[in-house]
Every structure is written in C-alpha cells, then in structure tokens.
Amino acid sequence: MTFAPEWLALRETADARARSAGLVEIVRETLVNRTPLTIRDLGCGTGSMGRWLAGRLGGAQHWVLHDRDPRLLALAEAGMNAVENVTAETREGDLTTLRAADLAGADLLTCSALLDLLTADEVNALAAASVEAHVPALFTLSVAGRVEFDPADPLDVAFQDAFNAHQRRVVDGRRLLGPDAPAVAEEAFRALGATVHTAPSPWRTHGDALQAEWLKGWVGAAVEQEPALATEAADYLRRRSTVSAVVHHVDLLAIPGAV
C-alpha cells in the first residue's frame, strides 16, 4: 500500500497535534544520557514522524528510515538531513521482515499510522524483534475504529462499521488488523514482558481541507465494503463535511525489560 506525498503533507499538522507528548517524556527518561541516539522509523513516508520527534528528543540523532516507496524515502531523507543535529539514511523494502538482529545498535523503534495496515502475525513479529533486541518502541496514530461527529447523524454508525470492516479486509492473503491493531500490539508486548503505556491521539477537525479529504476516503472505503450504502453516500458526505469530527487514534510505547 502506498500513499501520495500530498496526502501525507495534508495530514502532517493534525498528526503533530494529535501524538502524545506524554509518551515522548517517558522515552526521554528511558533514553537519558544516550547519545547519539539511533532511531529506526518504520513506514516513514515523507519523514513526518522524524520531524515531529527529533526536536522533542533533542541531542544528536541518526535516523534509519524504512519504507517501500523510493519517492517517499527520498523526501524523508532530504527533510531529516536538514534537521539540526540529525543525520539520516534509508532502507527500501518490506519492513515486516525485520527481526531482532536487524535492530542491532538501535535505541528506539518508531512508526506512525502503520500498525492497522499489518496482520496480527506481523505485529507479533515486530513486538518480538523489539523485545529481543531490547529496543523501546513508540508506535503512534493507530486507528482506533471510532469517529465522533457533532452533531451526530443516524448513518454515522453504519458508515463507521462498514469502514472498520474494510480496514479488517484480506489483501493479498493478509488479514489486516485495522482498528484491532492497538489491542493486538499491547497484548503482544505485555506477553513478552514489556512495560506498555498507551495514550489517545485524536484528530480534531471542523470542515477543513483535511476533513474533506479524509472523509472522502472514509466514506469511499465504507461503500466499497457495503455497496448498499452507495445510495446514501453523496448526501451523507455533504452533511458530514462541515461539522466537527474527532477521529480517534491510539499511541503506544513499549519498553522491554533491561533497556
């Protein structure tokens, strides 16, 4: 699955506002006195996670940027190398094959808006790699499966349920986790003895460009999953485009023992 740079740019400000600053403080306390930090960013896109996190961590850092899309990697590398006290390199390929040995020398594993695109086996493998390598993991903006509109609409639940089912669909033989991802990740890390912290990271929008673009995709996915909703889609999209919306996500920080 690939994403347009324009979409990633549109959501970057909302992502930055939503992510949990409290979890970053725990990361800082965990990694205190480590310098330079080596951070592996999975599914880095254009590097928005790095741009958000680097300054909050402070000090010298080296980012290893992982993605399947060479266009996005080039943008991410250029952007991160422009950040003060930061250097970056890229790794193109399938990040789901990462194992503990691949994380040697890393101080932190990060990702943003990624876990819901993985399978349970892939999330379990990432958790195992993190814990075995003794590398803390900060996974942000996982879809929680809940959207609140104000005012509510009688069709909100139907579109939400259809979208969530679409997020859990089978793609190339892989059953995606969708909104089940935060719970699966938390369970996987806890089962391996890691300390897990979670925090809400909601988008809050009100008739802006992000809401318009997100809503088109959200409604479109719901209709793809439940074609019967197609007759309601245009009017529903119009009604929902100008109201307040809270799109819920979850941030997760897992700290293996003996970090």
C-alpha atoms as a PDB file:
ATOM      1  CA  MET A   1       0.000   0.000   0.000  1.00  0.00           C
ATOM      2  CA  THR A   2       1.404   3.394  -0.996  1.00  0.00           C
ATOM      3  CA  PHE A   3       0.378   6.935  -0.074  1.00  0.00           C
ATOM      4  CA  ALA A   4       0.596  10.165  -2.058  1.00  0.00           C
ATOM      5  CA  PRO A   5       3.015  12.782  -0.707  1.00  0.00           C
ATOM      6  CA  GLU A   6       0.208  15.331  -0.974  1.00  0.00           C
ATOM      7  CA  TRP A   7      -1.978  13.347   1.429  1.00  0.00           C
ATOM      8  CA  LEU A   8       0.888  12.902   3.881  1.00  0.00           C
ATOM      9  CA  ALA A   9       1.603  16.636   3.768  1.00  0.00           C
ATOM     10  CA  LEU A  10      -2.072  17.452   4.349  1.00  0.00           C
ATOM     11  CA  ARG A  11      -2.256  15.331   7.495  1.00  0.00           C
ATOM     12  CA  GLU A  12       1.126  16.251   8.996  1.00  0.00           C
ATOM     13  CA  THR A  13      -0.083  19.176  11.113  1.00  0.00           C
ATOM     14  CA  ALA A  14      -3.028  17.206  12.519  1.00  0.00           C
ATOM     15  CA  ASP A  15      -0.734  14.252  13.233  1.00  0.00           C
ATOM     16  CA  ALA A  16       1.685  16.508  15.108  1.00  0.00           C
ATOM     17  CA  ARG A  17      -1.109  17.948  17.241  1.00  0.00           C
ATOM     18  CA  ALA A  18      -2.533  14.522  17.992  1.00  0.00           C
ATOM     19  CA  ARG A  19       0.511  12.493  19.043  1.00  0.00           C
ATOM     20  CA  SER A  20       1.091  12.066  22.767  1.00  0.00           C
ATOM     21  CA  ALA A  21       3.733  14.389  24.196  1.00  0.00           C
ATOM     22  CA  GLY A  22       3.458  12.479  27.477  1.00  0.00           C
ATOM     23  CA  LEU A  23       4.766   9.274  25.925  1.00  0.00           C
ATOM     24  CA  VAL A  24       7.724  11.192  24.495  1.00  0.00           C
ATOM     25  CA  GLU A  25       8.643  12.335  28.001  1.00  0.00           C
ATOM     26  CA  ILE A  26       8.789   8.697  29.079  1.00  0.00           C
ATOM     27  CA  VAL A  27      11.013   7.947  26.076  1.00  0.00           C
ATOM     28  CA  ARG A  28      13.334  10.802  27.071  1.00  0.00           C
ATOM     29  CA  GLU A  29      13.585   9.469  30.617  1.00  0.00           C
ATOM     30  CA  THR A  30      14.239   5.943  29.346  1.00  0.00           C
ATOM     31  CA  LEU A  31      16.993   7.012  26.947  1.00  0.00           C
ATOM     32  CA  VAL A  32      18.593   9.709  29.128  1.00  0.00           C
ATOM     33  CA  ASN A  33      22.360  10.046  28.699  1.00  0.00           C
ATOM     34  CA  ARG A  34      22.353   8.039  25.463  1.00  0.00           C
ATOM     35  CA  THR A  35      23.990   9.996  22.685  1.00  0.00           C
ATOM     36  CA  PRO A  36      23.854   9.971  19.783  1.00  0.00           C
ATOM     37  CA  LEU A  37      20.508   8.214  19.512  1.00  0.00           C
ATOM     38  CA  THR A  38      19.897   5.794  16.658  1.00  0.00           C
ATOM     39  CA  ILE A  39      16.221   5.645  15.709  1.00  0.00           C
ATOM     40  CA  ARG A  40      14.573   3.330  13.199  1.00  0.00           C
ATOM     41  CA  ASP A  41      11.399   4.751  11.637  1.00  0.00           C
ATOM     42  CA  LEU A  42       9.198   2.103  10.008  1.00  0.00           C
ATOM     43  CA  GLY A  43       6.960   3.154   7.130  1.00  0.00           C
ATOM     44  CA  CYS A  44       8.460   6.618   7.385  1.00  0.00           C
ATOM     45  CA  GLY A  45       6.564   8.185   4.485  1.00  0.00           C
ATOM     46  CA  THR A  46       7.951  11.681   3.935  1.00  0.00           C
ATOM     47  CA  GLY A  47       9.530  11.740   7.400  1.00  0.00           C
ATOM     48  CA  SER A  48       6.799  13.484   9.393  1.00  0.00           C
ATOM     49  CA  MET A  49       7.398  11.317  12.478  1.00  0.00           C
ATOM     50  CA  GLY A  50      11.045  12.302  12.484  1.00  0.00           C
ATOM     51  CA  ARG A  51      10.284  15.980  12.029  1.00  0.00           C
ATOM     52  CA  TRP A  52       7.911  15.807  14.982  1.00  0.00           C
ATOM     53  CA  LEU A  53      10.040  13.692  17.297  1.00  0.00           C
ATOM     54  CA  ALA A  54      13.638  14.763  16.671  1.00  0.00           C
ATOM     55  CA  GLY A  55      13.369  18.146  18.364  1.00  0.00           C
ATOM     56  CA  ARG A  56      11.410  16.709  21.275  1.00  0.00           C
ATOM     57  CA  LEU A  57      14.126  14.148  21.978  1.00  0.00           C
ATOM     58  CA  GLY A  58      16.976  16.612  21.490  1.00  0.00           C
ATOM     59  CA  GLY A  59      20.671  15.916  21.080  1.00  0.00           C
ATOM     60  CA  ALA A  60      22.496  14.217  18.250  1.00  0.00           C
ATOM     61  CA  GLN A  61      20.463  11.599  16.395  1.00  0.00           C
ATOM     62  CA  HIS A  62      20.820   9.212  13.464  1.00  0.00           C
ATOM     63  CA  TRP A  63      17.584   8.116  11.797  1.00  0.00           C
ATOM     64  CA  VAL A  64      17.292   4.956   9.712  1.00  0.00           C
ATOM     65  CA  LEU A  65      14.227   5.450   7.512  1.00  0.00           C
ATOM     66  CA  HIS A  66      12.332   2.393   6.270  1.00  0.00           C
ATOM     67  CA  ASP A  67       9.708   2.458   3.507  1.00  0.00           C
ATOM     68  CA  ARG A  68       8.695   0.569   0.376  1.00  0.00           C
ATOM     69  CA  ASP A  69       8.281   3.715  -1.725  1.00  0.00           C
ATOM     70  CA  PRO A  70      11.541   5.208  -3.054  1.00  0.00           C
ATOM     71  CA  ARG A  71       9.828   8.551  -3.764  1.00  0.00           C
ATOM     72  CA  LEU A  72       8.837   8.934  -0.135  1.00  0.00           C
ATOM     73  CA  LEU A  73      12.235   7.780   1.092  1.00  0.00           C
ATOM     74  CA  ALA A  74      13.987  10.464  -0.944  1.00  0.00           C
ATOM     75  CA  LEU A  75      11.732  13.149   0.516  1.00  0.00           C
ATOM     76  CA  ALA A  76      12.174  11.815   4.043  1.00  0.00           C
ATOM     77  CA  GLU A  77      15.951  11.610   3.797  1.00  0.00           C
ATOM     78  CA  ALA A  78      16.274  15.154   2.459  1.00  0.00           C
ATOM     79  CA  GLY A  79      13.956  16.516   5.120  1.00  0.00           C
ATOM     80  CA  MET A  80      15.610  14.734   8.018  1.00  0.00           C
ATOM     81  CA  ASN A  81      19.140  15.631   6.933  1.00  0.00           C
ATOM     82  CA  ALA A  82      18.040  19.277   7.086  1.00  0.00           C
ATOM     83  CA  VAL A  83      17.138  18.964  10.794  1.00  0.00           C
ATOM     84  CA  GLU A  84      19.773  20.283  13.176  1.00  0.00           C
ATOM     85  CA  ASN A  85      21.907  17.587  14.857  1.00  0.00           C
ATOM     86  CA  VAL A  86      20.253  14.862  12.761  1.00  0.00           C
ATOM     87  CA  THR A  87      21.639  12.564  10.076  1.00  0.00           C
ATOM     88  CA  ALA A  88      19.588  10.062   8.111  1.00  0.00           C
ATOM     89  CA  GLU A  89      19.891   7.063   5.837  1.00  0.00           C
ATOM     90  CA  THR A  90      17.259   4.962   4.071  1.00  0.00           C
ATOM     91  CA  ARG A  91      16.260   1.327   3.774  1.00  0.00           C
ATOM     92  CA  GLU A  92      13.903   0.419   0.932  1.00  0.00           C
ATOM     93  CA  GLY A  93      11.907  -2.783   1.245  1.00  0.00           C
ATOM     94  CA  ASP A  94       9.422  -4.808   3.250  1.00  0.00           C
ATOM     95  CA  LEU A  95       9.653  -3.741   6.869  1.00  0.00           C
ATOM     96  CA  THR A  96       7.611  -6.744   8.037  1.00  0.00           C
ATOM     97  CA  THR A  97      10.691  -8.919   7.631  1.00  0.00           C
ATOM     98  CA  LEU A  98      12.645  -7.055  10.325  1.00  0.00           C
ATOM     99  CA  ARG A  99      13.950  -9.223  13.141  1.00  0.00           C
ATOM    100  CA  ALA A 100      15.932  -8.560  16.309  1.00  0.00           C
ATOM    101  CA  ALA A 101      19.295  -8.840  14.546  1.00  0.00           C
ATOM    102  CA  ASP A 102      18.256  -6.061  12.167  1.00  0.00           C
ATOM    103  CA  LEU A 103      17.736  -3.711  15.118  1.00  0.00           C
ATOM    104  CA  ALA A 104      21.250  -4.079  16.492  1.00  0.00           C
ATOM    105  CA  GLY A 105      22.551  -0.687  17.609  1.00  0.00           C
ATOM    106  CA  ALA A 106      19.122   0.980  17.634  1.00  0.00           C
ATOM    107  CA  ASP A 107      17.937   2.948  20.663  1.00  0.00           C
ATOM    108  CA  LEU A 108      14.314   3.421  19.574  1.00  0.00           C
ATOM    109  CA  LEU A 109      11.857   1.923  17.084  1.00  0.00           C
ATOM    110  CA  THR A 110       9.115   4.222  15.789  1.00  0.00           C
ATOM    111  CA  CYS A 111       6.226   4.237  13.361  1.00  0.00           C
ATOM    112  CA  SER A 112       3.197   6.378  12.667  1.00  0.00           C
ATOM    113  CA  ALA A 113      -0.177   5.295  11.233  1.00  0.00           C
ATOM    114  CA  LEU A 114       1.236   1.881  10.376  1.00  0.00           C
ATOM    115  CA  LEU A 115       0.041  -0.887  12.706  1.00  0.00           C
ATOM    116  CA  ASP A 116      -3.511  -1.008  11.341  1.00  0.00           C
ATOM    117  CA  LEU A 117      -2.049  -1.929   7.926  1.00  0.00           C
ATOM    118  CA  LEU A 118      -0.332  -5.024   9.348  1.00  0.00           C
ATOM    119  CA  THR A 119      -1.512  -8.513  10.264  1.00  0.00           C
ATOM    120  CA  ALA A 120      -1.530  -9.998  13.737  1.00  0.00           C
ATOM    121  CA  ASP A 121       1.479 -12.162  12.866  1.00  0.00           C
ATOM    122  CA  GLU A 122       3.396  -9.128  11.592  1.00  0.00           C
ATOM    123  CA  VAL A 123       2.652  -7.081  14.719  1.00  0.00           C
ATOM    124  CA  ASN A 124       3.639 -10.025  16.907  1.00  0.00           C
ATOM    125  CA  ALA A 125       6.910 -10.333  14.995  1.00  0.00           C
ATOM    126  CA  LEU A 126       7.667  -6.620  15.410  1.00  0.00           C
ATOM    127  CA  ALA A 127       6.997  -6.870  19.132  1.00  0.00           C
ATOM    128  CA  ALA A 128       9.253  -9.913  19.394  1.00  0.00           C
ATOM    129  CA  ALA A 129      12.045  -8.161  17.489  1.00  0.00           C
ATOM    130  CA  SER A 130      11.788  -5.080  19.703  1.00  0.00           C
ATOM    131  CA  VAL A 131      11.827  -7.039  22.950  1.00  0.00           C
ATOM    132  CA  GLU A 132      14.558  -9.463  21.891  1.00  0.00           C
ATOM    133  CA  ALA A 133      16.767  -6.551  20.790  1.00  0.00           C
ATOM    134  CA  HIS A 134      15.904  -4.557  23.968  1.00  0.00           C
ATOM    135  CA  VAL A 135      14.756  -1.598  21.851  1.00  0.00           C
ATOM    136  CA  PRO A 136      11.810   0.519  23.069  1.00  0.00           C
ATOM    137  CA  ALA A 137       9.014   1.022  20.522  1.00  0.00           C
ATOM    138  CA  LEU A 138       6.912   4.166  20.067  1.00  0.00           C
ATOM    139  CA  PHE A 139       4.026   3.393  17.706  1.00  0.00           C
ATOM    140  CA  THR A 140       1.730   6.384  17.111  1.00  0.00           C
ATOM    141  CA  LEU A 141      -1.603   7.132  15.449  1.00  0.00           C
ATOM    142  CA  SER A 142      -3.016   3.636  15.138  1.00  0.00           C
ATOM    143  CA  VAL A 143      -6.650   3.752  14.004  1.00  0.00           C
ATOM    144  CA  ALA A 144      -8.999   3.120  16.927  1.00  0.00           C
ATOM    145  CA  GLY A 145     -12.154   2.459  14.883  1.00  0.00           C
ATOM    146  CA  ARG A 146     -14.194   5.293  16.371  1.00  0.00           C
ATOM    147  CA  VAL A 147     -15.257   8.605  14.832  1.00  0.00           C
ATOM    148  CA  GLU A 148     -17.439  11.168  16.610  1.00  0.00           C
ATOM    149  CA  PHE A 149     -19.329  13.806  14.659  1.00  0.00           C
ATOM    150  CA  ASP A 150     -21.050  16.780  16.265  1.00  0.00           C
ATOM    151  CA  PRO A 151     -23.932  16.827  15.662  1.00  0.00           C
ATOM    152  CA  ALA A 152     -24.452  13.098  15.206  1.00  0.00           C
ATOM    153  CA  ASP A 153     -26.189  11.616  12.167  1.00  0.00           C
ATOM    154  CA  PRO A 154     -28.361   8.458  12.020  1.00  0.00           C
ATOM    155  CA  LEU A 155     -25.981   6.953   9.434  1.00  0.00           C
ATOM    156  CA  ASP A 156     -22.744   7.535  11.377  1.00  0.00           C
ATOM    157  CA  VAL A 157     -22.701   4.051  12.889  1.00  0.00           C
ATOM    158  CA  ALA A 158     -23.424   2.304   9.582  1.00  0.00           C
ATOM    159  CA  PHE A 159     -20.579   4.087   7.793  1.00  0.00           C
ATOM    160  CA  GLN A 160     -18.219   3.593  10.727  1.00  0.00           C
ATOM    161  CA  ASP A 161     -18.950  -0.135  10.953  1.00  0.00           C
ATOM    162  CA  ALA A 162     -18.506  -0.579   7.201  1.00  0.00           C
ATOM    163  CA  PHE A 163     -15.216   1.337   7.247  1.00  0.00           C
ATOM    164  CA  ASN A 164     -13.920  -0.755  10.152  1.00  0.00           C
ATOM    165  CA  ALA A 165     -14.830  -3.952   8.309  1.00  0.00           C
ATOM    166  CA  HIS A 166     -12.955  -2.621   5.274  1.00  0.00           C
ATOM    167  CA  GLN A 167      -9.900  -1.987   7.460  1.00  0.00           C
ATOM    168  CA  ARG A 168     -10.001  -5.644   8.513  1.00  0.00           C
ATOM    169  CA  ARG A 169     -10.186  -6.927   4.937  1.00  0.00           C
ATOM    170  CA  VAL A 170      -7.921  -9.546   3.368  1.00  0.00           C
ATOM    171  CA  VAL A 171      -5.290  -8.093   0.983  1.00  0.00           C
ATOM    172  CA  ASP A 172      -3.080 -10.498  -0.980  1.00  0.00           C
ATOM    173  CA  GLY A 173      -3.826 -13.204   1.548  1.00  0.00           C
ATOM    174  CA  ARG A 174      -3.094 -10.957   4.536  1.00  0.00           C
ATOM    175  CA  ARG A 175      -5.853 -10.233   7.055  1.00  0.00           C
ATOM    176  CA  LEU A 176      -5.265  -6.625   8.107  1.00  0.00           C
ATOM    177  CA  LEU A 177      -5.783  -5.661  11.739  1.00  0.00           C
ATOM    178  CA  GLY A 178      -7.405  -2.272  11.189  1.00  0.00           C
ATOM    179  CA  PRO A 179      -8.820  -0.957  14.472  1.00  0.00           C
ATOM    180  CA  ASP A 180      -7.808  -4.134  16.306  1.00  0.00           C
ATOM    181  CA  ALA A 181      -4.125  -3.191  15.959  1.00  0.00           C
ATOM    182  CA  PRO A 182      -3.652  -1.232  19.216  1.00  0.00           C
ATOM    183  CA  ALA A 183      -5.046  -4.049  21.365  1.00  0.00           C
ATOM    184  CA  VAL A 184      -3.081  -6.722  19.485  1.00  0.00           C
ATOM    185  CA  ALA A 185       0.163  -4.755  19.842  1.00  0.00           C
ATOM    186  CA  GLU A 186      -0.405  -4.107  23.539  1.00  0.00           C
ATOM    187  CA  GLU A 187      -1.144  -7.775  24.190  1.00  0.00           C
ATOM    188  CA  ALA A 188       1.916  -8.885  22.208  1.00  0.00           C
ATOM    189  CA  PHE A 189       4.318  -6.629  24.106  1.00  0.00           C
ATOM    190  CA  ARG A 190       2.845  -7.433  27.515  1.00  0.00           C
ATOM    191  CA  ALA A 191       3.056 -11.173  26.805  1.00  0.00           C
ATOM    192  CA  LEU A 192       6.785 -10.685  26.159  1.00  0.00           C
ATOM    193  CA  GLY A 193       7.307  -8.897  29.466  1.00  0.00           C
ATOM    194  CA  ALA A 194       7.498  -5.311  28.180  1.00  0.00           C
ATOM    195  CA  THR A 195       6.041  -2.358  30.060  1.00  0.00           C
ATOM    196  CA  VAL A 196       3.335  -0.781  27.899  1.00  0.00           C
ATOM    197  CA  HIS A 197       1.939   2.750  28.029  1.00  0.00           C
ATOM    198  CA  THR A 198      -0.910   3.931  25.803  1.00  0.00           C
ATOM    199  CA  ALA A 199      -2.441   7.334  25.161  1.00  0.00           C
ATOM    200  CA  PRO A 200      -5.222   8.710  22.959  1.00  0.00           C
ATOM    201  CA  SER A 201      -4.121  10.701  19.890  1.00  0.00           C
ATOM    202  CA  PRO A 202      -7.278  12.010  18.201  1.00  0.00           C
ATOM    203  CA  TRP A 203      -7.542  14.249  15.181  1.00  0.00           C
ATOM    204  CA  ARG A 204      -9.935  17.145  15.803  1.00  0.00           C
ATOM    205  CA  THR A 205     -11.267  18.730  12.623  1.00  0.00           C
ATOM    206  CA  HIS A 206     -14.044  21.116  11.643  1.00  0.00           C
ATOM    207  CA  GLY A 207     -14.813  21.432   7.955  1.00  0.00           C
ATOM    208  CA  ASP A 208     -11.185  21.913   6.918  1.00  0.00           C
ATOM    209  CA  ALA A 209      -9.244  20.516   3.953  1.00  0.00           C
ATOM    210  CA  LEU A 210      -8.016  17.518   5.938  1.00  0.00           C
ATOM    211  CA  GLN A 211     -11.538  16.591   6.962  1.00  0.00           C
ATOM    212  CA  ALA A 212     -12.789  16.865   3.388  1.00  0.00           C
ATOM    213  CA  GLU A 213     -10.053  14.611   2.007  1.00  0.00           C
ATOM    214  CA  TRP A 214     -10.172  12.121   4.878  1.00  0.00           C
ATOM    215  CA  LEU A 215     -13.963  11.924   4.727  1.00  0.00           C
ATOM    216  CA  LYS A 216     -13.957  11.108   1.007  1.00  0.00           C
ATOM    217  CA  GLY A 217     -11.647   8.181   1.675  1.00  0.00           C
ATOM    218  CA  TRP A 218     -13.566   7.071   4.766  1.00  0.00           C
ATOM    219  CA  VAL A 219     -16.939   7.097   3.009  1.00  0.00           C
ATOM    220  CA  GLY A 220     -15.456   5.548  -0.135  1.00  0.00           C
ATOM    221  CA  ALA A 221     -13.989   2.632   1.810  1.00  0.00           C
ATOM    222  CA  ALA A 222     -17.284   2.110   3.633  1.00  0.00           C
ATOM    223  CA  VAL A 223     -19.181   1.967   0.314  1.00  0.00           C
ATOM    224  CA  GLU A 224     -16.621  -0.433  -1.146  1.00  0.00           C
ATOM    225  CA  GLN A 225     -17.230  -2.714   1.826  1.00  0.00           C
ATOM    226  CA  GLU A 226     -21.042  -2.250   1.896  1.00  0.00           C
ATOM    227  CA  PRO A 227     -22.296  -1.291  -1.599  1.00  0.00           C
ATOM    228  CA  ALA A 228     -25.819  -0.752  -0.250  1.00  0.00           C
ATOM    229  CA  LEU A 229     -24.544   2.466   1.360  1.00  0.00           C
ATOM    230  CA  ALA A 230     -23.843   3.943  -2.087  1.00  0.00           C
ATOM    231  CA  THR A 231     -27.328   5.406  -2.385  1.00  0.00           C
ATOM    232  CA  GLU A 232     -26.763   7.429   0.798  1.00  0.00           C
ATOM    233  CA  ALA A 233     -23.113   8.308   0.268  1.00  0.00           C
ATOM    234  CA  ALA A 234     -23.338  11.633  -1.580  1.00  0.00           C
ATOM    235  CA  ASP A 235     -25.843  13.211   0.795  1.00  0.00           C
ATOM    236  CA  TYR A 236     -24.068  11.778   3.826  1.00  0.00           C
ATOM    237  CA  LEU A 237     -20.732  13.144   2.624  1.00  0.00           C
ATOM    238  CA  ARG A 238     -22.267  16.589   2.150  1.00  0.00           C
ATOM    239  CA  ARG A 239     -23.823  16.582   5.629  1.00  0.00           C
ATOM    240  CA  ARG A 240     -20.637  15.439   7.358  1.00  0.00           C
ATOM    241  CA  SER A 241     -18.180  17.715   5.526  1.00  0.00           C
ATOM    242  CA  THR A 242     -18.924  20.847   7.530  1.00  0.00           C
ATOM    243  CA  VAL A 243     -19.442  19.533  11.080  1.00  0.00           C
ATOM    244  CA  SER A 244     -16.909  18.903  13.849  1.00  0.00           C
ATOM    245  CA  ALA A 245     -15.249  15.495  13.812  1.00  0.00           C
ATOM    246  CA  VAL A 246     -12.995  13.628  16.222  1.00  0.00           C
ATOM    247  CA  VAL A 247     -11.125  10.746  14.596  1.00  0.00           C
ATOM    248  CA  HIS A 248      -9.753   8.564  17.357  1.00  0.00           C
ATOM    249  CA  HIS A 249      -6.277   7.003  17.318  1.00  0.00           C
ATOM    250  CA  VAL A 250      -4.053   5.323  19.899  1.00  0.00           C
ATOM    251  CA  ASP A 251      -0.352   5.849  20.645  1.00  0.00           C
ATOM    252  CA  LEU A 252       1.618   3.026  22.259  1.00  0.00           C
ATOM    253  CA  LEU A 253       5.022   2.953  23.956  1.00  0.00           C
ATOM    254  CA  ALA A 254       6.540  -0.408  24.828  1.00  0.00           C
ATOM    255  CA  ILE A 255       9.694  -0.630  26.953  1.00  0.00           C
ATOM    256  CA  PRO A 256      11.356  -4.060  27.110  1.00  0.00           C
ATOM    257  CA  GLY A 257      12.978  -5.136  30.325  1.00  0.00           C
ATOM    258  CA  ALA A 258      16.662  -4.322  30.842  1.00  0.00           C
ATOM    259  CA  VAL A 259      16.707  -1.434  28.373  1.00  0.00           C
END
